[in-house]
Structures are given as C-alpha cells and as structure tokens.
Amino acid sequence: MGGVQEIGSNMTLIRTKSEEIIIDCGLLFPYEECFDIRYLIPDFSLINQQKLSSIVITHGHEDHIGGLPHLVERFPEINIYASQFTYHLIQKKFEQLNI
C-alpha cells in the first residue's frame, strides 16, 4: 500500500479470505513541489473494515508509525502489536494528539 522502493509511507496489507492484517503505517514527508502539504499518509481505501483485525508495527520510525493516528481514527477497534519501546513511542504520539 506504500513504501515500496521509497523511504516513507511504509504500509503492507496481508489479506486472507477471513481477515486482514497491516504491517506498519508510516508517513512520507513531501517533496518541495508539494506546496503547503506537511506529510502524506498511505491510502486506506483498500482496507476492508469488517475483515481488519490488527496492525503489527516493526519499529518506531515516523515512516513506520507516523500514519497510525489516521488509521486508528478511521479504524478505532484495531489491535496494535509492537515492541515495548515502540509502544511507548506510539503512546507519546497519541498523547500529544489527544487520541
């Protein structure tokens, strides 16, 4: 869904007949020609809300967790799996955004 052969917007969707799992949800800092855009997030339109069960975060860099607040806003029941350190980074980000 994003991040292939680029740095940023890392997001992979694994789909089976019964469920969907996401790996990472990053953001991409825009290029200079993207006037007045602070960052870009992956396109969530391919995600089936009824089948989405969880997201696995591999590590805490912004290109892997930066889009997570947008994903959780759209899919609030999603289970998030991460290491303890990455969990604390996500928790800080959510606290700053009042999520």
C-alpha atoms as a PDB file:
ATOM      1  CA  MET A   1       0.000   0.000   0.000  1.00  0.00           C
ATOM      2  CA  GLY A   2       3.008   2.249   0.368  1.00  0.00           C
ATOM      3  CA  GLY A   3       6.734   2.437   0.918  1.00  0.00           C
ATOM      4  CA  VAL A   4       7.845   0.039  -1.782  1.00  0.00           C
ATOM      5  CA  GLN A   5      11.178   1.207  -3.201  1.00  0.00           C
ATOM      6  CA  GLU A   6      10.929   4.524  -1.341  1.00  0.00           C
ATOM      7  CA  ILE A   7      11.530   5.854   2.141  1.00  0.00           C
ATOM      8  CA  GLY A   8       8.227   6.758   3.751  1.00  0.00           C
ATOM      9  CA  SER A   9       4.574   5.707   3.846  1.00  0.00           C
ATOM     10  CA  ASN A  10       5.549   2.139   4.751  1.00  0.00           C
ATOM     11  CA  MET A  11       2.424   0.024   4.883  1.00  0.00           C
ATOM     12  CA  THR A  12       1.751  -3.554   3.846  1.00  0.00           C
ATOM     13  CA  LEU A  13      -1.665  -5.220   3.792  1.00  0.00           C
ATOM     14  CA  ILE A  14      -1.867  -9.001   4.194  1.00  0.00           C
ATOM     15  CA  ARG A  15      -5.265 -10.283   3.112  1.00  0.00           C
ATOM     16  CA  THR A  16      -6.793 -13.740   3.534  1.00  0.00           C
ATOM     17  CA  LYS A  17     -10.369 -14.826   2.929  1.00  0.00           C
ATOM     18  CA  SER A  18     -11.289 -14.175   6.553  1.00  0.00           C
ATOM     19  CA  GLU A  19      -9.071 -11.339   7.811  1.00  0.00           C
ATOM     20  CA  GLU A  20      -6.687  -8.506   7.011  1.00  0.00           C
ATOM     21  CA  ILE A  21      -3.519  -7.594   8.890  1.00  0.00           C
ATOM     22  CA  ILE A  22      -1.445  -4.474   8.321  1.00  0.00           C
ATOM     23  CA  ILE A  23       2.291  -4.182   8.828  1.00  0.00           C
ATOM     24  CA  ASP A  24       3.379  -0.619   9.663  1.00  0.00           C
ATOM     25  CA  CYS A  25       1.592   2.643   8.915  1.00  0.00           C
ATOM     26  CA  GLY A  26       4.066   5.359   8.124  1.00  0.00           C
ATOM     27  CA  LEU A  27       4.056   8.767   6.617  1.00  0.00           C
ATOM     28  CA  LEU A  28       6.112  10.396   3.900  1.00  0.00           C
ATOM     29  CA  PHE A  29       7.476  13.893   4.185  1.00  0.00           C
ATOM     30  CA  PRO A  30       6.595  15.661   0.925  1.00  0.00           C
ATOM     31  CA  TYR A  31       8.924  16.832  -1.750  1.00  0.00           C
ATOM     32  CA  GLU A  32       9.467  20.548  -2.349  1.00  0.00           C
ATOM     33  CA  GLU A  33       6.944  20.616  -5.200  1.00  0.00           C
ATOM     34  CA  CYS A  34       4.136  19.555  -2.800  1.00  0.00           C
ATOM     35  CA  PHE A  35       3.214  23.091  -1.791  1.00  0.00           C
ATOM     36  CA  ASP A  36       1.674  23.527   1.681  1.00  0.00           C
ATOM     37  CA  ILE A  37       1.498  19.785   2.473  1.00  0.00           C
ATOM     38  CA  ARG A  38       3.072  18.744   5.784  1.00  0.00           C
ATOM     39  CA  TYR A  39       3.079  14.982   5.179  1.00  0.00           C
ATOM     40  CA  LEU A  40       1.480  12.214   3.124  1.00  0.00           C
ATOM     41  CA  ILE A  41      -0.163   9.083   4.519  1.00  0.00           C
ATOM     42  CA  PRO A  42      -0.953   5.769   2.788  1.00  0.00           C
ATOM     43  CA  ASP A  43      -4.275   5.301   1.020  1.00  0.00           C
ATOM     44  CA  PHE A  44      -6.601   3.343   3.345  1.00  0.00           C
ATOM     45  CA  SER A  45      -9.291   2.755   0.714  1.00  0.00           C
ATOM     46  CA  LEU A  46      -8.205  -0.852   0.042  1.00  0.00           C
ATOM     47  CA  ILE A  47      -8.833  -1.894   3.656  1.00  0.00           C
ATOM     48  CA  ASN A  48     -11.980  -3.878   4.428  1.00  0.00           C
ATOM     49  CA  GLN A  49     -13.206  -2.659   7.831  1.00  0.00           C
ATOM     50  CA  GLN A  50     -15.120  -5.893   8.532  1.00  0.00           C
ATOM     51  CA  LYS A  51     -12.004  -8.037   7.992  1.00  0.00           C
ATOM     52  CA  LEU A  52      -9.327  -5.802   9.513  1.00  0.00           C
ATOM     53  CA  SER A  53      -8.111  -7.307  12.779  1.00  0.00           C
ATOM     54  CA  SER A  54      -4.713  -5.898  13.674  1.00  0.00           C
ATOM     55  CA  ILE A  55      -1.596  -3.979  12.804  1.00  0.00           C
ATOM     56  CA  VAL A  56       1.985  -5.020  13.546  1.00  0.00           C
ATOM     57  CA  ILE A  57       4.470  -2.186  13.954  1.00  0.00           C
ATOM     58  CA  THR A  58       8.038  -3.241  13.201  1.00  0.00           C
ATOM     59  CA  HIS A  59       9.752  -0.214  14.757  1.00  0.00           C
ATOM     60  CA  GLY A  60       9.178   3.374  15.802  1.00  0.00           C
ATOM     61  CA  HIS A  61      10.480   5.494  12.924  1.00  0.00           C
ATOM     62  CA  GLU A  62       7.989   8.039  11.563  1.00  0.00           C
ATOM     63  CA  ASP A  63       7.938   6.291   8.187  1.00  0.00           C
ATOM     64  CA  HIS A  64       6.518   3.267  10.066  1.00  0.00           C
ATOM     65  CA  ILE A  65       4.246   4.846  12.754  1.00  0.00           C
ATOM     66  CA  GLY A  66       3.532   8.371  11.502  1.00  0.00           C
ATOM     67  CA  GLY A  67       0.240   7.489   9.797  1.00  0.00           C
ATOM     68  CA  LEU A  68      -1.003   5.403  12.728  1.00  0.00           C
ATOM     69  CA  PRO A  69      -3.153   8.184  14.273  1.00  0.00           C
ATOM     70  CA  HIS A  70      -5.038   8.492  10.974  1.00  0.00           C
ATOM     71  CA  LEU A  71      -5.518   4.725  10.756  1.00  0.00           C
ATOM     72  CA  VAL A  72      -6.777   4.466  14.362  1.00  0.00           C
ATOM     73  CA  GLU A  73      -9.126   7.379  13.774  1.00  0.00           C
ATOM     74  CA  ARG A  74     -10.670   5.519  10.844  1.00  0.00           C
ATOM     75  CA  PHE A  75     -10.465   2.017  12.406  1.00  0.00           C
ATOM     76  CA  PRO A  76     -10.644   2.554  16.200  1.00  0.00           C
ATOM     77  CA  GLU A  77     -11.088  -1.136  17.088  1.00  0.00           C
ATOM     78  CA  ILE A  78      -7.807  -2.256  15.508  1.00  0.00           C
ATOM     79  CA  ASN A  79      -5.381  -4.215  17.713  1.00  0.00           C
ATOM     80  CA  ILE A  80      -1.853  -2.763  17.685  1.00  0.00           C
ATOM     81  CA  TYR A  81       1.151  -5.036  18.217  1.00  0.00           C
ATOM     82  CA  ALA A  82       4.606  -3.551  18.802  1.00  0.00           C
ATOM     83  CA  SER A  83       7.695  -3.935  20.943  1.00  0.00           C
ATOM     84  CA  GLN A  84       7.632  -2.222  24.326  1.00  0.00           C
ATOM     85  CA  PHE A  85       9.889   0.630  23.155  1.00  0.00           C
ATOM     86  CA  THR A  86       7.837   1.203  20.001  1.00  0.00           C
ATOM     87  CA  TYR A  87       4.649   1.040  22.070  1.00  0.00           C
ATOM     88  CA  HIS A  88       5.922   3.904  24.233  1.00  0.00           C
ATOM     89  CA  LEU A  89       6.720   5.995  21.151  1.00  0.00           C
ATOM     90  CA  ILE A  90       3.198   5.372  19.831  1.00  0.00           C
ATOM     91  CA  GLN A  91       1.714   6.172  23.234  1.00  0.00           C
ATOM     92  CA  LYS A  92       3.581   9.525  23.339  1.00  0.00           C
ATOM     93  CA  LYS A  93       2.390  10.364  19.831  1.00  0.00           C
ATOM     94  CA  PHE A  94      -1.212   9.564  20.762  1.00  0.00           C
ATOM     95  CA  GLU A  95      -0.982  11.615  23.978  1.00  0.00           C
ATOM     96  CA  GLN A  96       0.272  14.623  22.021  1.00  0.00           C
ATOM     97  CA  LEU A  97      -2.670  14.288  19.631  1.00  0.00           C
ATOM     98  CA  ASN A  98      -5.224  13.535  22.366  1.00  0.00           C
ATOM     99  CA  ILE A  99      -6.012  10.086  20.963  1.00  0.00           C
END
